[in-house]
Amino acid sequence: MNPPAIESSTPQERRDWIRKEFPCISCCENCGLCQVYHGKDVEDVYQEYVEGTRTFDEIAKEYRRTY
């Protein structure tokens, strides 16, 4: 599912989407999110998207390039 567009969604809708798409199942060995985001909370990684200052794709591309 594609992330909600900043122009047509609220911060709460974007936060809810992040939580739904990247849930912590408290089992790092089976999930892998902690490895992908190097131990960072996904909501922290995408905070600017939730705030509406940057798109989800901008952050994801930068994150993949930087880490």
N, C-alpha and C. Protein backbone atom coordinates (compact mmCIF):
# COMPACT_ATOMS: atom_id res chain seq x y z
N MET A 1 0.83 -1.17 0.00
CA MET A 1 0.00 0.00 0.00
C MET A 1 0.89 1.24 0.00
N ASN A 2 0.52 2.23 -0.78
CA ASN A 2 1.28 3.47 -0.86
C ASN A 2 1.00 4.36 0.34
N PRO A 3 1.99 5.13 0.76
CA PRO A 3 1.77 6.03 1.90
C PRO A 3 0.79 7.14 1.53
N PRO A 4 0.04 7.63 2.49
CA PRO A 4 -0.88 8.74 2.22
C PRO A 4 -0.11 9.97 1.75
N ALA A 5 -0.64 10.66 0.76
CA ALA A 5 -0.02 11.90 0.27
C ALA A 5 -0.13 12.97 1.35
N ILE A 6 0.91 13.75 1.49
CA ILE A 6 0.92 14.81 2.49
C ILE A 6 -0.22 15.80 2.24
N GLU A 7 -0.47 16.09 0.97
CA GLU A 7 -1.47 17.09 0.62
C GLU A 7 -2.89 16.68 0.99
N SER A 8 -3.14 15.39 1.08
CA SER A 8 -4.52 14.93 1.30
C SER A 8 -4.68 14.08 2.56
N SER A 9 -3.76 14.24 3.51
CA SER A 9 -3.87 13.46 4.75
C SER A 9 -3.45 14.32 5.94
N THR A 10 -3.85 13.87 7.10
CA THR A 10 -3.49 14.56 8.34
C THR A 10 -2.25 13.90 8.95
N PRO A 11 -1.57 14.60 9.83
CA PRO A 11 -0.44 13.97 10.52
C PRO A 11 -0.84 12.66 11.21
N GLN A 12 -2.02 12.63 11.81
CA GLN A 12 -2.46 11.41 12.49
C GLN A 12 -2.64 10.27 11.50
N GLU A 13 -3.18 10.54 10.33
CA GLU A 13 -3.34 9.50 9.31
C GLU A 13 -1.99 8.98 8.85
N ARG A 14 -1.02 9.86 8.70
CA ARG A 14 0.32 9.43 8.30
C ARG A 14 0.99 8.62 9.40
N ARG A 15 0.83 9.05 10.66
CA ARG A 15 1.39 8.31 11.80
C ARG A 15 0.75 6.92 11.89
N ASP A 16 -0.56 6.86 11.73
CA ASP A 16 -1.26 5.58 11.78
C ASP A 16 -0.78 4.66 10.66
N TRP A 17 -0.54 5.21 9.48
CA TRP A 17 -0.06 4.40 8.35
C TRP A 17 1.32 3.82 8.66
N ILE A 18 2.21 4.64 9.22
CA ILE A 18 3.55 4.17 9.59
C ILE A 18 3.43 3.03 10.61
N ARG A 19 2.60 3.22 11.62
CA ARG A 19 2.43 2.19 12.65
C ARG A 19 1.86 0.90 12.06
N LYS A 20 0.93 1.02 11.12
CA LYS A 20 0.32 -0.16 10.51
C LYS A 20 1.30 -0.89 9.59
N GLU A 21 2.05 -0.14 8.80
CA GLU A 21 2.96 -0.75 7.83
C GLU A 21 4.24 -1.28 8.46
N PHE A 22 4.67 -0.71 9.56
CA PHE A 22 5.93 -1.09 10.20
C PHE A 22 5.72 -1.43 11.67
N PRO A 23 4.89 -2.43 11.97
CA PRO A 23 4.62 -2.74 13.38
C PRO A 23 5.80 -3.45 14.04
N CYS A 24 6.01 -3.14 15.29
CA CYS A 24 7.01 -3.86 16.07
C CYS A 24 6.32 -5.09 16.65
N ILE A 25 6.83 -6.27 16.32
CA ILE A 25 6.24 -7.50 16.85
C ILE A 25 7.04 -8.06 18.02
N SER A 26 8.02 -7.29 18.47
CA SER A 26 8.85 -7.65 19.64
C SER A 26 9.55 -8.99 19.45
N CYS A 27 9.97 -9.24 18.24
CA CYS A 27 10.72 -10.46 17.96
C CYS A 27 11.71 -10.13 16.84
N CYS A 28 12.77 -9.44 17.19
CA CYS A 28 13.71 -8.92 16.20
C CYS A 28 14.30 -9.99 15.28
N GLU A 29 14.47 -11.18 15.79
CA GLU A 29 15.05 -12.24 14.97
C GLU A 29 14.14 -12.63 13.82
N ASN A 30 12.83 -12.55 14.02
CA ASN A 30 11.88 -12.93 12.98
C ASN A 30 11.42 -11.76 12.12
N CYS A 31 11.45 -10.57 12.64
CA CYS A 31 10.89 -9.41 11.96
C CYS A 31 11.90 -8.72 11.05
N GLY A 32 13.00 -8.30 11.60
CA GLY A 32 14.03 -7.63 10.82
C GLY A 32 13.96 -6.11 10.79
N LEU A 33 12.87 -5.50 11.28
CA LEU A 33 12.78 -4.04 11.24
C LEU A 33 13.92 -3.37 11.99
N CYS A 34 14.30 -3.92 13.10
CA CYS A 34 15.40 -3.32 13.86
C CYS A 34 16.70 -3.32 13.06
N GLN A 35 16.92 -4.36 12.29
CA GLN A 35 18.12 -4.41 11.45
C GLN A 35 18.03 -3.42 10.31
N VAL A 36 16.87 -3.35 9.67
CA VAL A 36 16.69 -2.44 8.54
C VAL A 36 16.91 -0.99 8.98
N TYR A 37 16.38 -0.63 10.14
CA TYR A 37 16.47 0.75 10.62
C TYR A 37 17.55 0.92 11.68
N HIS A 38 18.46 -0.03 11.79
CA HIS A 38 19.62 0.05 12.67
C HIS A 38 19.25 0.43 14.10
N GLY A 39 18.18 -0.18 14.59
CA GLY A 39 17.75 0.03 15.96
C GLY A 39 16.95 1.30 16.20
N LYS A 40 16.72 2.08 15.15
CA LYS A 40 15.94 3.31 15.31
C LYS A 40 14.46 2.99 15.23
N ASP A 41 13.67 3.73 15.99
CA ASP A 41 12.22 3.61 15.92
C ASP A 41 11.75 4.15 14.57
N VAL A 42 10.90 3.41 13.90
CA VAL A 42 10.44 3.79 12.57
C VAL A 42 9.72 5.14 12.60
N GLU A 43 8.99 5.41 13.66
CA GLU A 43 8.31 6.71 13.77
C GLU A 43 9.32 7.85 13.84
N ASP A 44 10.45 7.61 14.48
CA ASP A 44 11.49 8.64 14.52
C ASP A 44 12.11 8.84 13.14
N VAL A 45 12.34 7.75 12.43
CA VAL A 45 12.92 7.84 11.09
C VAL A 45 12.02 8.66 10.18
N TYR A 46 10.72 8.45 10.25
CA TYR A 46 9.78 9.12 9.35
C TYR A 46 9.03 10.28 10.00
N GLN A 47 9.58 10.87 11.05
CA GLN A 47 8.92 11.98 11.73
C GLN A 47 8.64 13.16 10.81
N GLU A 48 9.57 13.48 9.93
CA GLU A 48 9.35 14.61 9.02
C GLU A 48 8.21 14.32 8.04
N TYR A 49 8.05 13.07 7.66
CA TYR A 49 6.91 12.70 6.83
C TYR A 49 5.61 12.89 7.61
N VAL A 50 5.58 12.43 8.84
CA VAL A 50 4.39 12.58 9.67
C VAL A 50 4.05 14.06 9.84
N GLU A 51 5.06 14.89 10.03
CA GLU A 51 4.85 16.34 10.19
C GLU A 51 4.45 17.02 8.88
N GLY A 52 4.72 16.36 7.75
CA GLY A 52 4.36 16.93 6.46
C GLY A 52 5.42 17.80 5.83
N THR A 53 6.65 17.72 6.32
CA THR A 53 7.71 18.55 5.76
C THR A 53 8.52 17.86 4.67
N ARG A 54 8.47 16.53 4.63
CA ARG A 54 9.16 15.75 3.59
C ARG A 54 8.30 14.55 3.23
N THR A 55 8.44 14.08 2.00
CA THR A 55 7.66 12.92 1.59
C THR A 55 8.28 11.64 2.14
N PHE A 56 7.47 10.62 2.18
CA PHE A 56 7.93 9.31 2.61
C PHE A 56 9.08 8.84 1.72
N ASP A 57 8.91 8.99 0.41
CA ASP A 57 9.93 8.53 -0.55
C ASP A 57 11.25 9.27 -0.40
N GLU A 58 11.20 10.56 -0.13
CA GLU A 58 12.44 11.33 0.07
C GLU A 58 13.24 10.76 1.23
N ILE A 59 12.56 10.49 2.31
CA ILE A 59 13.24 9.97 3.50
C ILE A 59 13.75 8.56 3.24
N ALA A 60 12.93 7.73 2.63
CA ALA A 60 13.33 6.35 2.37
C ALA A 60 14.56 6.31 1.46
N LYS A 61 14.57 7.12 0.43
CA LYS A 61 15.73 7.14 -0.49
C LYS A 61 16.98 7.63 0.22
N GLU A 62 16.86 8.68 0.99
CA GLU A 62 18.00 9.20 1.72
C GLU A 62 18.51 8.19 2.75
N TYR A 63 17.58 7.57 3.42
CA TYR A 63 17.96 6.60 4.44
C TYR A 63 18.72 5.43 3.82
N ARG A 64 18.23 4.92 2.71
CA ARG A 64 18.91 3.80 2.05
C ARG A 64 20.28 4.22 1.56
N ARG A 65 20.43 5.45 1.10
CA ARG A 65 21.70 5.92 0.57
C ARG A 65 22.70 6.19 1.69
N THR A 66 22.20 6.66 2.83
CA THR A 66 23.07 7.06 3.94
C THR A 66 23.52 5.88 4.78
N TYR A 67 22.66 4.90 4.95
CA TYR A 67 22.98 3.81 5.88
C TYR A 67 23.36 2.61 5.14
